[in-house]
Amino acid sequence: MEERLYELEDKVQDLELEVHDLRGRIQLLEDKPDARPSLIGHNVWVLIPLVAIISWMVVEIFD
């Protein structure tokens, strides 16, 4: 019975540590400034080569 009590106390301590960690993460997320959405998005570096390839293909077709 005593052994079971110690196991439960260990689990409670683990859960308290996890709750403390999660509260810290929540605080970090709340303090972080919101990212502004852009019109193009974060994939602008993917669009540049695609536009270049499509432009090259159009030039080859109409040349």
PDB file of N, CA and C in Angstrom:
ATOM      1  N   MET A   1       0.816  -1.186   0.000  1.00  0.00           N
ATOM      2  CA  MET A   1       0.000   0.000   0.000  1.00  0.00           C
ATOM      3  C   MET A   1       0.870   1.264   0.000  1.00  0.00           C
ATOM      4  N   GLU A   2       1.925   1.224   0.804  1.00  0.00           N
ATOM      5  CA  GLU A   2       2.828   2.369   0.869  1.00  0.00           C
ATOM      6  C   GLU A   2       3.537   2.581  -0.469  1.00  0.00           C
ATOM      7  N   GLU A   3       3.891   1.483  -1.103  1.00  0.00           N
ATOM      8  CA  GLU A   3       4.577   1.564  -2.394  1.00  0.00           C
ATOM      9  C   GLU A   3       3.663   2.218  -3.436  1.00  0.00           C
ATOM     10  N   ARG A   4       2.418   1.866  -3.409  1.00  0.00           N
ATOM     11  CA  ARG A   4       1.440   2.457  -4.333  1.00  0.00           C
ATOM     12  C   ARG A   4       1.299   3.956  -4.063  1.00  0.00           C
ATOM     13  N   LEU A   5       1.335   4.337  -2.835  1.00  0.00           N
ATOM     14  CA  LEU A   5       1.252   5.747  -2.464  1.00  0.00           C
ATOM     15  C   LEU A   5       2.450   6.524  -3.022  1.00  0.00           C
ATOM     16  N   TYR A   6       3.641   5.936  -2.908  1.00  0.00           N
ATOM     17  CA  TYR A   6       4.838   6.591  -3.445  1.00  0.00           C
ATOM     18  C   TYR A   6       4.767   6.720  -4.967  1.00  0.00           C
ATOM     19  N   GLU A   7       4.254   5.683  -5.626  1.00  0.00           N
ATOM     20  CA  GLU A   7       4.106   5.744  -7.081  1.00  0.00           C
ATOM     21  C   GLU A   7       3.145   6.864  -7.482  1.00  0.00           C
ATOM     22  N   LEU A   8       2.056   6.985  -6.774  1.00  0.00           N
ATOM     23  CA  LEU A   8       1.097   8.039  -7.070  1.00  0.00           C
ATOM     24  C   LEU A   8       1.669   9.419  -6.804  1.00  0.00           C
ATOM     25  N   GLU A   9       2.455   9.552  -5.737  1.00  0.00           N
ATOM     26  CA  GLU A   9       3.103  10.835  -5.461  1.00  0.00           C
ATOM     27  C   GLU A   9       4.081  11.195  -6.568  1.00  0.00           C
ATOM     28  N   ASP A  10       4.819  10.204  -7.081  1.00  0.00           N
ATOM     29  CA  ASP A  10       5.732  10.454  -8.203  1.00  0.00           C
ATOM     30  C   ASP A  10       4.968  10.911  -9.435  1.00  0.00           C
ATOM     31  N   LYS A  11       3.845  10.264  -9.705  1.00  0.00           N
ATOM     32  CA  LYS A  11       3.043  10.658 -10.863  1.00  0.00           C
ATOM     33  C   LYS A  11       2.512  12.072 -10.697  1.00  0.00           C
ATOM     34  N   VAL A  12       2.087  12.405  -9.497  1.00  0.00           N
ATOM     35  CA  VAL A  12       1.588  13.763  -9.236  1.00  0.00           C
ATOM     36  C   VAL A  12       2.699  14.781  -9.465  1.00  0.00           C
ATOM     37  N   GLN A  13       3.900  14.493  -8.980  1.00  0.00           N
ATOM     38  CA  GLN A  13       5.021  15.413  -9.182  1.00  0.00           C
ATOM     39  C   GLN A  13       5.350  15.560 -10.665  1.00  0.00           C
ATOM     40  N   ASP A  14       5.317  14.453 -11.408  1.00  0.00           N
ATOM     41  CA  ASP A  14       5.561  14.524 -12.846  1.00  0.00           C
ATOM     42  C   ASP A  14       4.518  15.393 -13.542  1.00  0.00           C
ATOM     43  N   LEU A  15       3.258  15.201 -13.146  1.00  0.00           N
ATOM     44  CA  LEU A  15       2.195  16.002 -13.751  1.00  0.00           C
ATOM     45  C   LEU A  15       2.317  17.475 -13.385  1.00  0.00           C
ATOM     46  N   GLU A  16       2.727  17.768 -12.164  1.00  0.00           N
ATOM     47  CA  GLU A  16       2.927  19.167 -11.775  1.00  0.00           C
ATOM     48  C   GLU A  16       4.042  19.805 -12.585  1.00  0.00           C
ATOM     49  N   LEU A  17       5.121  19.065 -12.831  1.00  0.00           N
ATOM     50  CA  LEU A  17       6.211  19.586 -13.665  1.00  0.00           C
ATOM     51  C   LEU A  17       5.741  19.812 -15.095  1.00  0.00           C
ATOM     52  N   GLU A  18       4.948  18.897 -15.602  1.00  0.00           N
ATOM     53  CA  GLU A  18       4.439  19.041 -16.963  1.00  0.00           C
ATOM     54  C   GLU A  18       3.508  20.245 -17.068  1.00  0.00           C
ATOM     55  N   VAL A  19       2.656  20.445 -16.069  1.00  0.00           N
ATOM     56  CA  VAL A  19       1.763  21.610 -16.060  1.00  0.00           C
ATOM     57  C   VAL A  19       2.578  22.896 -16.013  1.00  0.00           C
ATOM     58  N   HIS A  20       3.624  22.910 -15.189  1.00  0.00           N
ATOM     59  CA  HIS A  20       4.484  24.096 -15.102  1.00  0.00           C
ATOM     60  C   HIS A  20       5.136  24.382 -16.459  1.00  0.00           C
ATOM     61  N   ASP A  21       5.623  23.333 -17.120  1.00  0.00           N
ATOM     62  CA  ASP A  21       6.246  23.491 -18.435  1.00  0.00           C
ATOM     63  C   ASP A  21       5.233  24.011 -19.458  1.00  0.00           C
ATOM     64  N   LEU A  22       4.038  23.466 -19.451  1.00  0.00           N
ATOM     65  CA  LEU A  22       3.011  23.900 -20.395  1.00  0.00           C
ATOM     66  C   LEU A  22       2.589  25.347 -20.144  1.00  0.00           C
ATOM     67  N   ARG A  23       2.515  25.744 -18.884  1.00  0.00           N
ATOM     68  CA  ARG A  23       2.182  27.138 -18.578  1.00  0.00           C
ATOM     69  C   ARG A  23       3.267  28.079 -19.087  1.00  0.00           C
ATOM     70  N   GLY A  24       4.526  27.654 -18.975  1.00  0.00           N
ATOM     71  CA  GLY A  24       5.618  28.459 -19.521  1.00  0.00           C
ATOM     72  C   GLY A  24       5.530  28.590 -21.024  1.00  0.00           C
ATOM     73  N   ARG A  25       5.185  27.505 -21.698  1.00  0.00           N
ATOM     74  CA  ARG A  25       5.035  27.561 -23.159  1.00  0.00           C
ATOM     75  C   ARG A  25       3.881  28.459 -23.567  1.00  0.00           C
ATOM     76  N   ILE A  26       2.782  28.364 -22.824  1.00  0.00           N
ATOM     77  CA  ILE A  26       1.628  29.229 -23.114  1.00  0.00           C
ATOM     78  C   ILE A  26       2.013  30.686 -22.944  1.00  0.00           C
ATOM     79  N   GLN A  27       2.759  30.988 -21.900  1.00  0.00           N
ATOM     80  CA  GLN A  27       3.189  32.365 -21.665  1.00  0.00           C
ATOM     81  C   GLN A  27       4.074  32.858 -22.798  1.00  0.00           C
ATOM     82  N   LEU A  28       4.977  31.998 -23.289  1.00  0.00           N
ATOM     83  CA  LEU A  28       5.832  32.386 -24.412  1.00  0.00           C
ATOM     84  C   LEU A  28       5.006  32.654 -25.661  1.00  0.00           C
ATOM     85  N   LEU A  29       4.007  31.812 -25.906  1.00  0.00           N
ATOM     86  CA  LEU A  29       3.171  32.013 -27.090  1.00  0.00           C
ATOM     87  C   LEU A  29       2.320  33.272 -26.971  1.00  0.00           C
ATOM     88  N   GLU A  30       1.857  33.576 -25.779  1.00  0.00           N
ATOM     89  CA  GLU A  30       1.065  34.792 -25.603  1.00  0.00           C
ATOM     90  C   GLU A  30       1.917  36.042 -25.740  1.00  0.00           C
ATOM     91  N   ASP A  31       3.178  35.974 -25.341  1.00  0.00           N
ATOM     92  CA  ASP A  31       4.060  37.137 -25.424  1.00  0.00           C
ATOM     93  C   ASP A  31       4.606  37.357 -26.830  1.00  0.00           C
ATOM     94  N   LYS A  32       4.572  36.313 -27.651  1.00  0.00           N
ATOM     95  CA  LYS A  32       5.120  36.415 -29.006  1.00  0.00           C
ATOM     96  C   LYS A  32       4.219  37.298 -29.858  1.00  0.00           C
ATOM     97  N   PRO A  33       4.795  38.245 -30.596  1.00  0.00           N
ATOM     98  CA  PRO A  33       3.950  39.104 -31.432  1.00  0.00           C
ATOM     99  C   PRO A  33       3.335  38.294 -32.584  1.00  0.00           C
ATOM    100  N   ASP A  34       2.145  38.705 -32.969  1.00  0.00           N
ATOM    101  CA  ASP A  34       1.461  38.022 -34.066  1.00  0.00           C
ATOM    102  C   ASP A  34       2.156  38.327 -35.380  1.00  0.00           C
ATOM    103  N   ALA A  35       2.269  37.311 -36.218  1.00  0.00           N
ATOM    104  CA  ALA A  35       2.868  37.497 -37.537  1.00  0.00           C
ATOM    105  C   ALA A  35       1.835  38.128 -38.458  1.00  0.00           C
ATOM    106  N   ARG A  36       2.273  39.118 -39.199  1.00  0.00           N
ATOM    107  CA  ARG A  36       1.359  39.758 -40.143  1.00  0.00           C
ATOM    108  C   ARG A  36       1.264  38.912 -41.398  1.00  0.00           C
ATOM    109  N   PRO A  37       0.067  38.617 -41.849  1.00  0.00           N
ATOM    110  CA  PRO A  37      -0.055  37.851 -43.091  1.00  0.00           C
ATOM    111  C   PRO A  37       0.286  38.739 -44.278  1.00  0.00           C
ATOM    112  N   SER A  38       1.059  38.217 -45.188  1.00  0.00           N
ATOM    113  CA  SER A  38       1.411  38.983 -46.376  1.00  0.00           C
ATOM    114  C   SER A  38       0.553  38.527 -47.543  1.00  0.00           C
ATOM    115  N   LEU A  39       0.542  39.317 -48.596  1.00  0.00           N
ATOM    116  CA  LEU A  39      -0.281  38.971 -49.757  1.00  0.00           C
ATOM    117  C   LEU A  39       0.239  37.726 -50.471  1.00  0.00           C
ATOM    118  N   ILE A  40       1.546  37.626 -50.598  1.00  0.00           N
ATOM    119  CA  ILE A  40       2.148  36.496 -51.305  1.00  0.00           C
ATOM    120  C   ILE A  40       2.342  35.317 -50.368  1.00  0.00           C
ATOM    121  N   GLY A  41       2.626  35.588 -49.143  1.00  0.00           N
ATOM    122  CA  GLY A  41       2.871  34.517 -48.188  1.00  0.00           C
ATOM    123  C   GLY A  41       4.353  34.275 -48.030  1.00  0.00           C
ATOM    124  N   HIS A  42       4.672  33.186 -47.366  1.00  0.00           N
ATOM    125  CA  HIS A  42       6.073  32.867 -47.101  1.00  0.00           C
ATOM    126  C   HIS A  42       6.709  32.078 -48.242  1.00  0.00           C
ATOM    127  N   ASN A  43       5.966  31.778 -49.283  1.00  0.00           N
ATOM    128  CA  ASN A  43       6.492  30.969 -50.383  1.00  0.00           C
ATOM    129  C   ASN A  43       6.954  31.821 -51.551  1.00  0.00           C
ATOM    130  N   VAL A  44       7.352  33.053 -51.280  1.00  0.00           N
ATOM    131  CA  VAL A  44       7.780  33.936 -52.363  1.00  0.00           C
ATOM    132  C   VAL A  44       9.029  33.402 -53.050  1.00  0.00           C
ATOM    133  N   TRP A  45       9.905  32.731 -52.329  1.00  0.00           N
ATOM    134  CA  TRP A  45      11.136  32.209 -52.925  1.00  0.00           C
ATOM    135  C   TRP A  45      10.848  31.026 -53.833  1.00  0.00           C
ATOM    136  N   VAL A  46       9.710  30.397 -53.691  1.00  0.00           N
ATOM    137  CA  VAL A  46       9.315  29.321 -54.606  1.00  0.00           C
ATOM    138  C   VAL A  46       8.738  29.924 -55.876  1.00  0.00           C
ATOM    139  N   LEU A  47       8.066  31.051 -55.758  1.00  0.00           N
ATOM    140  CA  LEU A  47       7.424  31.672 -56.917  1.00  0.00           C
ATOM    141  C   LEU A  47       8.429  32.257 -57.906  1.00  0.00           C
ATOM    142  N   ILE A  48       9.557  32.747 -57.423  1.00  0.00           N
ATOM    143  CA  ILE A  48      10.534  33.393 -58.306  1.00  0.00           C
ATOM    144  C   ILE A  48      11.068  32.425 -59.363  1.00  0.00           C
ATOM    145  N   PRO A  49      11.548  31.216 -59.005  1.00  0.00           N
ATOM    146  CA  PRO A  49      12.001  30.303 -60.059  1.00  0.00           C
ATOM    147  C   PRO A  49      10.866  29.831 -60.966  1.00  0.00           C
ATOM    148  N   LEU A  50       9.672  29.669 -60.417  1.00  0.00           N
ATOM    149  CA  LEU A  50       8.546  29.240 -61.242  1.00  0.00           C
ATOM    150  C   LEU A  50       8.205  30.292 -62.292  1.00  0.00           C
ATOM    151  N   VAL A  51       8.208  31.540 -61.917  1.00  0.00           N
ATOM    152  CA  VAL A  51       7.939  32.615 -62.876  1.00  0.00           C
ATOM    153  C   VAL A  51       9.038  32.664 -63.929  1.00  0.00           C
ATOM    154  N   ALA A  52      10.272  32.460 -63.514  1.00  0.00           N
ATOM    155  CA  ALA A  52      11.385  32.470 -64.470  1.00  0.00           C
ATOM    156  C   ALA A  52      11.258  31.324 -65.468  1.00  0.00           C
ATOM    157  N   ILE A  53      10.895  30.144 -65.005  1.00  0.00           N
ATOM    158  CA  ILE A  53      10.755  28.988 -65.899  1.00  0.00           C
ATOM    159  C   ILE A  53       9.597  29.198 -66.860  1.00  0.00           C
ATOM    160  N   ILE A  54       8.482  29.687 -66.354  1.00  0.00           N
ATOM    161  CA  ILE A  54       7.323  29.924 -67.225  1.00  0.00           C
ATOM    162  C   ILE A  54       7.632  31.009 -68.244  1.00  0.00           C
ATOM    163  N   SER A  55       8.336  32.052 -67.829  1.00  0.00           N
ATOM    164  CA  SER A  55       8.720  33.112 -68.768  1.00  0.00           C
ATOM    165  C   SER A  55       9.639  32.573 -69.845  1.00  0.00           C
ATOM    166  N   TRP A  56      10.572  31.744 -69.460  1.00  0.00           N
ATOM    167  CA  TRP A  56      11.492  31.155 -70.440  1.00  0.00           C
ATOM    168  C   TRP A  56      10.722  30.283 -71.439  1.00  0.00           C
ATOM    169  N   MET A  57       9.742  29.523 -70.956  1.00  0.00           N
ATOM    170  CA  MET A  57       8.951  28.678 -71.839  1.00  0.00           C
ATOM    171  C   MET A  57       8.128  29.511 -72.816  1.00  0.00           C
ATOM    172  N   VAL A  58       7.578  30.624 -72.355  1.00  0.00           N
ATOM    173  CA  VAL A  58       6.797  31.515 -73.234  1.00  0.00           C
ATOM    174  C   VAL A  58       7.698  32.116 -74.291  1.00  0.00           C
ATOM    175  N   VAL A  59       8.894  32.525 -73.902  1.00  0.00           N
ATOM    176  CA  VAL A  59       9.841  33.089 -74.874  1.00  0.00           C
ATOM    177  C   VAL A  59      10.233  32.037 -75.903  1.00  0.00           C
ATOM    178  N   GLU A  60      10.474  30.806 -75.472  1.00  0.00           N
ATOM    179  CA  GLU A  60      10.829  29.725 -76.410  1.00  0.00           C
ATOM    180  C   GLU A  60       9.683  29.423 -77.376  1.00  0.00           C
ATOM    181  N   ILE A  61       8.450  29.456 -76.899  1.00  0.00           N
ATOM    182  CA  ILE A  61       7.315  29.133 -77.749  1.00  0.00           C
ATOM    183  C   ILE A  61       7.106  30.234 -78.803  1.00  0.00           C
ATOM    184  N   PHE A  62       7.162  31.482 -78.408  1.00  0.00           N
ATOM    185  CA  PHE A  62       6.870  32.588 -79.329  1.00  0.00           C
ATOM    186  C   PHE A  62       8.101  33.125 -80.040  1.00  0.00           C
ATOM    187  N   ASP A  63       9.224  32.517 -79.860  1.00  0.00           N
ATOM    188  CA  ASP A  63      10.453  33.009 -80.489  1.00  0.00           C
ATOM    189  C   ASP A  63      10.590  32.575 -81.904  1.00  0.00           C
TER     190      ASP A  63
END
